[in-house]
Amino acid sequence: MSISPSQCRAARAIINMDQNDLAARASVSRGVIIDFEKDRRKPGTNNLAAIRTALEAAGIEFFEDDRGEGVVKLRSRQE
């Protein structure tokens, strides 16, 4: 499952991570994050996977709701 620009922004907001921190954790440039979140361009497959992995490592879960829409949430501490 891919992530959308709005999911990326929401995920960062949930964990209070700025664009610089996400870029560093994903090993991509800040420009990649900025352009993706503003829906200017979609990162390449590897960069998008790195962004998702960095957010998941910080405690974010990505899933689809019963309507098939992408949702983000903070992983519970019990998992």
PDB file of N, CA and C in Angstrom:
ATOM      1  N   MET A   1       0.843  -1.193   0.000  1.00  0.00           N
ATOM      2  CA  MET A   1       0.000   0.000   0.000  1.00  0.00           C
ATOM      3  C   MET A   1       0.875   1.239   0.000  1.00  0.00           C
ATOM      4  N   SER A   2       0.585   2.140  -0.883  1.00  0.00           N
ATOM      5  CA  SER A   2       1.297   3.405  -0.955  1.00  0.00           C
ATOM      6  C   SER A   2       0.702   4.372   0.076  1.00  0.00           C
ATOM      7  N   ILE A   3       1.384   5.467   0.304  1.00  0.00           N
ATOM      8  CA  ILE A   3       0.826   6.486   1.190  1.00  0.00           C
ATOM      9  C   ILE A   3       0.592   7.753   0.384  1.00  0.00           C
ATOM     10  N   SER A   4      -0.354   8.538   0.831  1.00  0.00           N
ATOM     11  CA  SER A   4      -0.698   9.788   0.146  1.00  0.00           C
ATOM     12  C   SER A   4       0.004  10.959   0.819  1.00  0.00           C
ATOM     13  N   PRO A   5       0.067  12.085   0.121  1.00  0.00           N
ATOM     14  CA  PRO A   5       0.636  13.279   0.747  1.00  0.00           C
ATOM     15  C   PRO A   5      -0.073  13.654   2.051  1.00  0.00           C
ATOM     16  N   SER A   6      -1.398  13.557   2.075  1.00  0.00           N
ATOM     17  CA  SER A   6      -2.125  13.920   3.292  1.00  0.00           C
ATOM     18  C   SER A   6      -1.843  12.936   4.428  1.00  0.00           C
ATOM     19  N   GLN A   7      -1.653  11.662   4.110  1.00  0.00           N
ATOM     20  CA  GLN A   7      -1.292  10.693   5.143  1.00  0.00           C
ATOM     21  C   GLN A   7       0.091  11.006   5.714  1.00  0.00           C
ATOM     22  N   CYS A   8       1.001  11.411   4.858  1.00  0.00           N
ATOM     23  CA  CYS A   8       2.346  11.757   5.319  1.00  0.00           C
ATOM     24  C   CYS A   8       2.284  12.946   6.275  1.00  0.00           C
ATOM     25  N   ARG A   9       1.558  13.985   5.892  1.00  0.00           N
ATOM     26  CA  ARG A   9       1.415  15.161   6.761  1.00  0.00           C
ATOM     27  C   ARG A   9       0.757  14.797   8.087  1.00  0.00           C
ATOM     28  N   ALA A  10      -0.314  14.001   8.011  1.00  0.00           N
ATOM     29  CA  ALA A  10      -1.032  13.599   9.224  1.00  0.00           C
ATOM     30  C   ALA A  10      -0.141  12.762  10.135  1.00  0.00           C
ATOM     31  N   ALA A  11       0.598  11.842   9.550  1.00  0.00           N
ATOM     32  CA  ALA A  11       1.489  10.989  10.341  1.00  0.00           C
ATOM     33  C   ALA A  11       2.539  11.836  11.063  1.00  0.00           C
ATOM     34  N   ARG A  12       3.122  12.786  10.352  1.00  0.00           N
ATOM     35  CA  ARG A  12       4.122  13.648  10.997  1.00  0.00           C
ATOM     36  C   ARG A  12       3.508  14.451  12.132  1.00  0.00           C
ATOM     37  N   ALA A  13       2.272  14.914  11.926  1.00  0.00           N
ATOM     38  CA  ALA A  13       1.601  15.704  12.961  1.00  0.00           C
ATOM     39  C   ALA A  13       1.340  14.860  14.204  1.00  0.00           C
ATOM     40  N   ILE A  14       0.924  13.620  14.006  1.00  0.00           N
ATOM     41  CA  ILE A  14       0.625  12.743  15.138  1.00  0.00           C
ATOM     42  C   ILE A  14       1.846  12.546  16.027  1.00  0.00           C
ATOM     43  N   ILE A  15       3.007  12.390  15.399  1.00  0.00           N
ATOM     44  CA  ILE A  15       4.219  12.119  16.184  1.00  0.00           C
ATOM     45  C   ILE A  15       5.096  13.355  16.359  1.00  0.00           C
ATOM     46  N   ASN A  16       4.577  14.510  15.928  1.00  0.00           N
ATOM     47  CA  ASN A  16       5.292  15.774  16.087  1.00  0.00           C
ATOM     48  C   ASN A  16       6.689  15.721  15.465  1.00  0.00           C
ATOM     49  N   MET A  17       6.757  15.261  14.217  1.00  0.00           N
ATOM     50  CA  MET A  17       8.017  15.155  13.485  1.00  0.00           C
ATOM     51  C   MET A  17       8.025  16.216  12.387  1.00  0.00           C
ATOM     52  N   ASP A  18       9.091  16.979  12.297  1.00  0.00           N
ATOM     53  CA  ASP A  18       9.136  17.977  11.230  1.00  0.00           C
ATOM     54  C   ASP A  18       9.698  17.358   9.944  1.00  0.00           C
ATOM     55  N   GLN A  19       9.615  18.123   8.867  1.00  0.00           N
ATOM     56  CA  GLN A  19      10.057  17.625   7.570  1.00  0.00           C
ATOM     57  C   GLN A  19      11.546  17.297   7.548  1.00  0.00           C
ATOM     58  N   ASN A  20      12.340  18.104   8.236  1.00  0.00           N
ATOM     59  CA  ASN A  20      13.784  17.839   8.283  1.00  0.00           C
ATOM     60  C   ASN A  20      14.073  16.495   8.944  1.00  0.00           C
ATOM     61  N   ASP A  21      13.397  16.215  10.040  1.00  0.00           N
ATOM     62  CA  ASP A  21      13.610  14.965  10.759  1.00  0.00           C
ATOM     63  C   ASP A  21      13.182  13.774   9.907  1.00  0.00           C
ATOM     64  N   LEU A  22      12.032  13.879   9.265  1.00  0.00           N
ATOM     65  CA  LEU A  22      11.573  12.786   8.403  1.00  0.00           C
ATOM     66  C   LEU A  22      12.558  12.567   7.260  1.00  0.00           C
ATOM     67  N   ALA A  23      12.999  13.634   6.650  1.00  0.00           N
ATOM     68  CA  ALA A  23      13.962  13.508   5.548  1.00  0.00           C
ATOM     69  C   ALA A  23      15.228  12.793   6.011  1.00  0.00           C
ATOM     70  N   ALA A  24      15.733  13.167   7.179  1.00  0.00           N
ATOM     71  CA  ALA A  24      16.945  12.532   7.702  1.00  0.00           C
ATOM     72  C   ALA A  24      16.698  11.055   8.000  1.00  0.00           C
ATOM     73  N   ARG A  25      15.585  10.748   8.630  1.00  0.00           N
ATOM     74  CA  ARG A  25      15.289   9.347   8.976  1.00  0.00           C
ATOM     75  C   ARG A  25      15.047   8.482   7.743  1.00  0.00           C
ATOM     76  N   ALA A  26      14.518   9.075   6.682  1.00  0.00           N
ATOM     77  CA  ALA A  26      14.234   8.336   5.456  1.00  0.00           C
ATOM     78  C   ALA A  26      15.408   8.387   4.470  1.00  0.00           C
ATOM     79  N   SER A  27      16.432   9.155   4.804  1.00  0.00           N
ATOM     80  CA  SER A  27      17.597   9.339   3.923  1.00  0.00           C
ATOM     81  C   SER A  27      17.197   9.876   2.549  1.00  0.00           C
ATOM     82  N   VAL A  28      16.322  10.880   2.579  1.00  0.00           N
ATOM     83  CA  VAL A  28      15.933  11.588   1.357  1.00  0.00           C
ATOM     84  C   VAL A  28      16.122  13.080   1.626  1.00  0.00           C
ATOM     85  N   SER A  29      16.088  13.874   0.577  1.00  0.00           N
ATOM     86  CA  SER A  29      16.230  15.318   0.780  1.00  0.00           C
ATOM     87  C   SER A  29      14.928  15.908   1.326  1.00  0.00           C
ATOM     88  N   ARG A  30      15.062  17.029   1.986  1.00  0.00           N
ATOM     89  CA  ARG A  30      13.870  17.723   2.493  1.00  0.00           C
ATOM     90  C   ARG A  30      12.963  18.115   1.341  1.00  0.00           C
ATOM     91  N   GLY A  31      13.556  18.441   0.192  1.00  0.00           N
ATOM     92  CA  GLY A  31      12.778  18.796  -0.996  1.00  0.00           C
ATOM     93  C   GLY A  31      11.857  17.680  -1.447  1.00  0.00           C
ATOM     94  N   VAL A  32      12.297  16.436  -1.299  1.00  0.00           N
ATOM     95  CA  VAL A  32      11.450  15.297  -1.645  1.00  0.00           C
ATOM     96  C   VAL A  32      10.212  15.295  -0.759  1.00  0.00           C
ATOM     97  N   ILE A  33      10.413  15.526   0.537  1.00  0.00           N
ATOM     98  CA  ILE A  33       9.286  15.552   1.479  1.00  0.00           C
ATOM     99  C   ILE A  33       8.358  16.713   1.158  1.00  0.00           C
ATOM    100  N   ILE A  34       8.921  17.893   0.954  1.00  0.00           N
ATOM    101  CA  ILE A  34       8.113  19.085   0.668  1.00  0.00           C
ATOM    102  C   ILE A  34       7.282  18.883  -0.594  1.00  0.00           C
ATOM    103  N   ASP A  35       7.927  18.453  -1.676  1.00  0.00           N
ATOM    104  CA  ASP A  35       7.211  18.276  -2.939  1.00  0.00           C
ATOM    105  C   ASP A  35       6.142  17.194  -2.833  1.00  0.00           C
ATOM    106  N   PHE A  36       6.429  16.115  -2.120  1.00  0.00           N
ATOM    107  CA  PHE A  36       5.447  15.054  -1.945  1.00  0.00           C
ATOM    108  C   PHE A  36       4.251  15.555  -1.153  1.00  0.00           C
ATOM    109  N   GLU A  37       4.505  16.206  -0.021  1.00  0.00           N
ATOM    110  CA  GLU A  37       3.404  16.668   0.826  1.00  0.00           C
ATOM    111  C   GLU A  37       2.561  17.746   0.162  1.00  0.00           C
ATOM    112  N   LYS A  38       3.147  18.516  -0.747  1.00  0.00           N
ATOM    113  CA  LYS A  38       2.381  19.527  -1.489  1.00  0.00           C
ATOM    114  C   LYS A  38       1.788  18.952  -2.768  1.00  0.00           C
ATOM    115  N   ASP A  39       1.977  17.635  -2.964  1.00  0.00           N
ATOM    116  CA  ASP A  39       1.448  16.919  -4.124  1.00  0.00           C
ATOM    117  C   ASP A  39       1.982  17.483  -5.434  1.00  0.00           C
ATOM    118  N   ARG A  40       3.232  17.947  -5.406  1.00  0.00           N
ATOM    119  CA  ARG A  40       3.888  18.446  -6.617  1.00  0.00           C
ATOM    120  C   ARG A  40       4.445  17.302  -7.444  1.00  0.00           C
ATOM    121  N   ARG A  41       4.940  16.270  -6.742  1.00  0.00           N
ATOM    122  CA  ARG A  41       5.455  15.081  -7.423  1.00  0.00           C
ATOM    123  C   ARG A  41       5.472  13.919  -6.447  1.00  0.00           C
ATOM    124  N   LYS A  42       5.359  12.733  -7.011  1.00  0.00           N
ATOM    125  CA  LYS A  42       5.390  11.520  -6.194  1.00  0.00           C
ATOM    126  C   LYS A  42       6.834  11.022  -6.167  1.00  0.00           C
ATOM    127  N   PRO A  43       7.356  10.744  -4.974  1.00  0.00           N
ATOM    128  CA  PRO A  43       8.722  10.213  -4.895  1.00  0.00           C
ATOM    129  C   PRO A  43       8.820   8.870  -5.603  1.00  0.00           C
ATOM    130  N   GLY A  44      10.022   8.511  -5.991  1.00  0.00           N
ATOM    131  CA  GLY A  44      10.247   7.195  -6.567  1.00  0.00           C
ATOM    132  C   GLY A  44       9.871   6.107  -5.569  1.00  0.00           C
ATOM    133  N   THR A  45       9.733   4.912  -6.075  1.00  0.00           N
ATOM    134  CA  THR A  45       9.301   3.783  -5.253  1.00  0.00           C
ATOM    135  C   THR A  45      10.183   3.596  -4.022  1.00  0.00           C
ATOM    136  N   ASN A  46      11.491   3.648  -4.195  1.00  0.00           N
ATOM    137  CA  ASN A  46      12.408   3.450  -3.067  1.00  0.00           C
ATOM    138  C   ASN A  46      12.289   4.571  -2.043  1.00  0.00           C
ATOM    139  N   ASN A  47      12.181   5.813  -2.511  1.00  0.00           N
ATOM    140  CA  ASN A  47      12.060   6.933  -1.578  1.00  0.00           C
ATOM    141  C   ASN A  47      10.734   6.895  -0.828  1.00  0.00           C
ATOM    142  N   LEU A  48       9.664   6.544  -1.531  1.00  0.00           N
ATOM    143  CA  LEU A  48       8.358   6.463  -0.883  1.00  0.00           C
ATOM    144  C   LEU A  48       8.355   5.354   0.174  1.00  0.00           C
ATOM    145  N   ALA A  49       8.983   4.244  -0.144  1.00  0.00           N
ATOM    146  CA  ALA A  49       9.092   3.150   0.829  1.00  0.00           C
ATOM    147  C   ALA A  49       9.917   3.581   2.035  1.00  0.00           C
ATOM    148  N   ALA A  50      10.975   4.345   1.798  1.00  0.00           N
ATOM    149  CA  ALA A  50      11.817   4.819   2.902  1.00  0.00           C
ATOM    150  C   ALA A  50      11.059   5.789   3.800  1.00  0.00           C
ATOM    151  N   ILE A  51      10.235   6.636   3.209  1.00  0.00           N
ATOM    152  CA  ILE A  51       9.416   7.577   3.989  1.00  0.00           C
ATOM    153  C   ILE A  51       8.432   6.800   4.856  1.00  0.00           C
ATOM    154  N   ARG A  52       7.753   5.855   4.243  1.00  0.00           N
ATOM    155  CA  ARG A  52       6.782   5.047   4.996  1.00  0.00           C
ATOM    156  C   ARG A  52       7.474   4.282   6.120  1.00  0.00           C
ATOM    157  N   THR A  53       8.597   3.666   5.827  1.00  0.00           N
ATOM    158  CA  THR A  53       9.337   2.891   6.824  1.00  0.00           C
ATOM    159  C   THR A  53       9.780   3.777   7.988  1.00  0.00           C
ATOM    160  N   ALA A  54      10.240   4.981   7.691  1.00  0.00           N
ATOM    161  CA  ALA A  54      10.669   5.905   8.746  1.00  0.00           C
ATOM    162  C   ALA A  54       9.496   6.281   9.650  1.00  0.00           C
ATOM    163  N   LEU A  55       8.341   6.517   9.058  1.00  0.00           N
ATOM    164  CA  LEU A  55       7.161   6.858   9.860  1.00  0.00           C
ATOM    165  C   LEU A  55       6.686   5.660  10.679  1.00  0.00           C
ATOM    166  N   GLU A  56       6.720   4.479  10.082  1.00  0.00           N
ATOM    167  CA  GLU A  56       6.323   3.276  10.821  1.00  0.00           C
ATOM    168  C   GLU A  56       7.286   3.007  11.977  1.00  0.00           C
ATOM    169  N   ALA A  57       8.564   3.226  11.764  1.00  0.00           N
ATOM    170  CA  ALA A  57       9.551   3.030  12.829  1.00  0.00           C
ATOM    171  C   ALA A  57       9.320   3.999  13.989  1.00  0.00           C
ATOM    172  N   ALA A  58       8.714   5.144  13.676  1.00  0.00           N
ATOM    173  CA  ALA A  58       8.412   6.140  14.708  1.00  0.00           C
ATOM    174  C   ALA A  58       7.062   5.888  15.381  1.00  0.00           C
ATOM    175  N   GLY A  59       6.366   4.809  14.980  1.00  0.00           N
ATOM    176  CA  GLY A  59       5.138   4.442  15.671  1.00  0.00           C
ATOM    177  C   GLY A  59       3.848   4.615  14.899  1.00  0.00           C
ATOM    178  N   ILE A  60       3.934   4.931  13.624  1.00  0.00           N
ATOM    179  CA  ILE A  60       2.731   5.157  12.813  1.00  0.00           C
ATOM    180  C   ILE A  60       2.293   3.860  12.142  1.00  0.00           C
ATOM    181  N   GLU A  61       0.983   3.657  12.047  1.00  0.00           N
ATOM    182  CA  GLU A  61       0.400   2.559  11.291  1.00  0.00           C
ATOM    183  C   GLU A  61      -0.412   3.143  10.144  1.00  0.00           C
ATOM    184  N   PHE A  62      -0.284   2.546   8.986  1.00  0.00           N
ATOM    185  CA  PHE A  62      -1.069   2.924   7.814  1.00  0.00           C
ATOM    186  C   PHE A  62      -2.026   1.780   7.510  1.00  0.00           C
ATOM    187  N   PHE A  63      -3.290   2.106   7.253  1.00  0.00           N
ATOM    188  CA  PHE A  63      -4.258   1.085   6.891  1.00  0.00           C
ATOM    189  C   PHE A  63      -5.417   1.730   6.155  1.00  0.00           C
ATOM    190  N   GLU A  64      -6.290   0.899   5.605  1.00  0.00           N
ATOM    191  CA  GLU A  64      -7.489   1.395   4.936  1.00  0.00           C
ATOM    192  C   GLU A  64      -8.704   1.141   5.817  1.00  0.00           C
ATOM    193  N   ASP A  65      -9.616   2.107   5.849  1.00  0.00           N
ATOM    194  CA  ASP A  65     -10.842   1.923   6.624  1.00  0.00           C
ATOM    195  C   ASP A  65     -11.849   1.113   5.810  1.00  0.00           C
ATOM    196  N   ASP A  66     -13.045   0.946   6.330  1.00  0.00           N
ATOM    197  CA  ASP A  66     -14.053   0.120   5.653  1.00  0.00           C
ATOM    198  C   ASP A  66     -14.546   0.719   4.337  1.00  0.00           C
ATOM    199  N   ARG A  67     -14.222   1.983   4.098  1.00  0.00           N
ATOM    200  CA  ARG A  67     -14.573   2.625   2.813  1.00  0.00           C
ATOM    201  C   ARG A  67     -13.415   2.575   1.823  1.00  0.00           C
ATOM    202  N   GLY A  68     -12.299   1.985   2.251  1.00  0.00           N
ATOM    203  CA  GLY A  68     -11.135   1.885   1.378  1.00  0.00           C
ATOM    204  C   GLY A  68     -10.268   3.127   1.366  1.00  0.00           C
ATOM    205  N   GLU A  69     -10.493   4.022   2.329  1.00  0.00           N
ATOM    206  CA  GLU A  69      -9.708   5.247   2.401  1.00  0.00           C
ATOM    207  C   GLU A  69      -8.501   5.034   3.312  1.00  0.00           C
ATOM    208  N   GLY A  70      -7.387   5.644   2.945  1.00  0.00           N
ATOM    209  CA  GLY A  70      -6.177   5.520   3.741  1.00  0.00           C
ATOM    210  C   GLY A  70      -6.293   6.260   5.062  1.00  0.00           C
ATOM    211  N   VAL A  71      -5.846   5.615   6.123  1.00  0.00           N
ATOM    212  CA  VAL A  71      -5.921   6.167   7.479  1.00  0.00           C
ATOM    213  C   VAL A  71      -4.571   5.972   8.153  1.00  0.00           C
ATOM    214  N   VAL A  72      -4.216   6.896   9.023  1.00  0.00           N
ATOM    215  CA  VAL A  72      -3.006   6.753   9.834  1.00  0.00           C
ATOM    216  C   VAL A  72      -3.390   6.823  11.300  1.00  0.00           C
ATOM    217  N   LYS A  73      -2.632   6.104  12.122  1.00  0.00           N
ATOM    218  CA  LYS A  73      -2.842   6.188  13.563  1.00  0.00           C
ATOM    219  C   LYS A  73      -1.537   5.857  14.261  1.00  0.00           C
ATOM    220  N   LEU A  74      -1.469   6.223  15.522  1.00  0.00           N
ATOM    221  CA  LEU A  74      -0.322   5.890  16.341  1.00  0.00           C
ATOM    222  C   LEU A  74      -0.488   4.468  16.834  1.00  0.00           C
ATOM    223  N   ARG A  75       0.538   3.666  16.651  1.00  0.00           N
ATOM    224  CA  ARG A  75       0.499   2.268  17.102  1.00  0.00           C
ATOM    225  C   ARG A  75       0.353   2.236  18.611  1.00  0.00           C
ATOM    226  N   SER A  76      -0.484   1.345  19.099  1.00  0.00           N
ATOM    227  CA  SER A  76      -0.658   1.233  20.551  1.00  0.00           C
ATOM    228  C   SER A  76       0.621   0.684  21.172  1.00  0.00           C
ATOM    229  N   ARG A  77       0.866   1.035  22.388  1.00  0.00           N
ATOM    230  CA  ARG A  77       2.096   0.618  23.079  1.00  0.00           C
ATOM    231  C   ARG A  77       2.111  -0.873  23.372  1.00  0.00           C
ATOM    232  N   GLN A  78       0.978  -1.530  23.311  1.00  0.00           N
ATOM    233  CA  GLN A  78       0.874  -2.958  23.611  1.00  0.00           C
ATOM    234  C   GLN A  78       1.374  -3.829  22.475  1.00  0.00           C
ATOM    235  N   GLU A  79       1.516  -3.262  21.268  1.00  0.00           N
ATOM    236  CA  GLU A  79       1.908  -4.048  20.096  1.00  0.00           C
ATOM    237  C   GLU A  79       3.399  -4.244  20.036  1.00  0.00           C
TER     238      GLU A  79
END
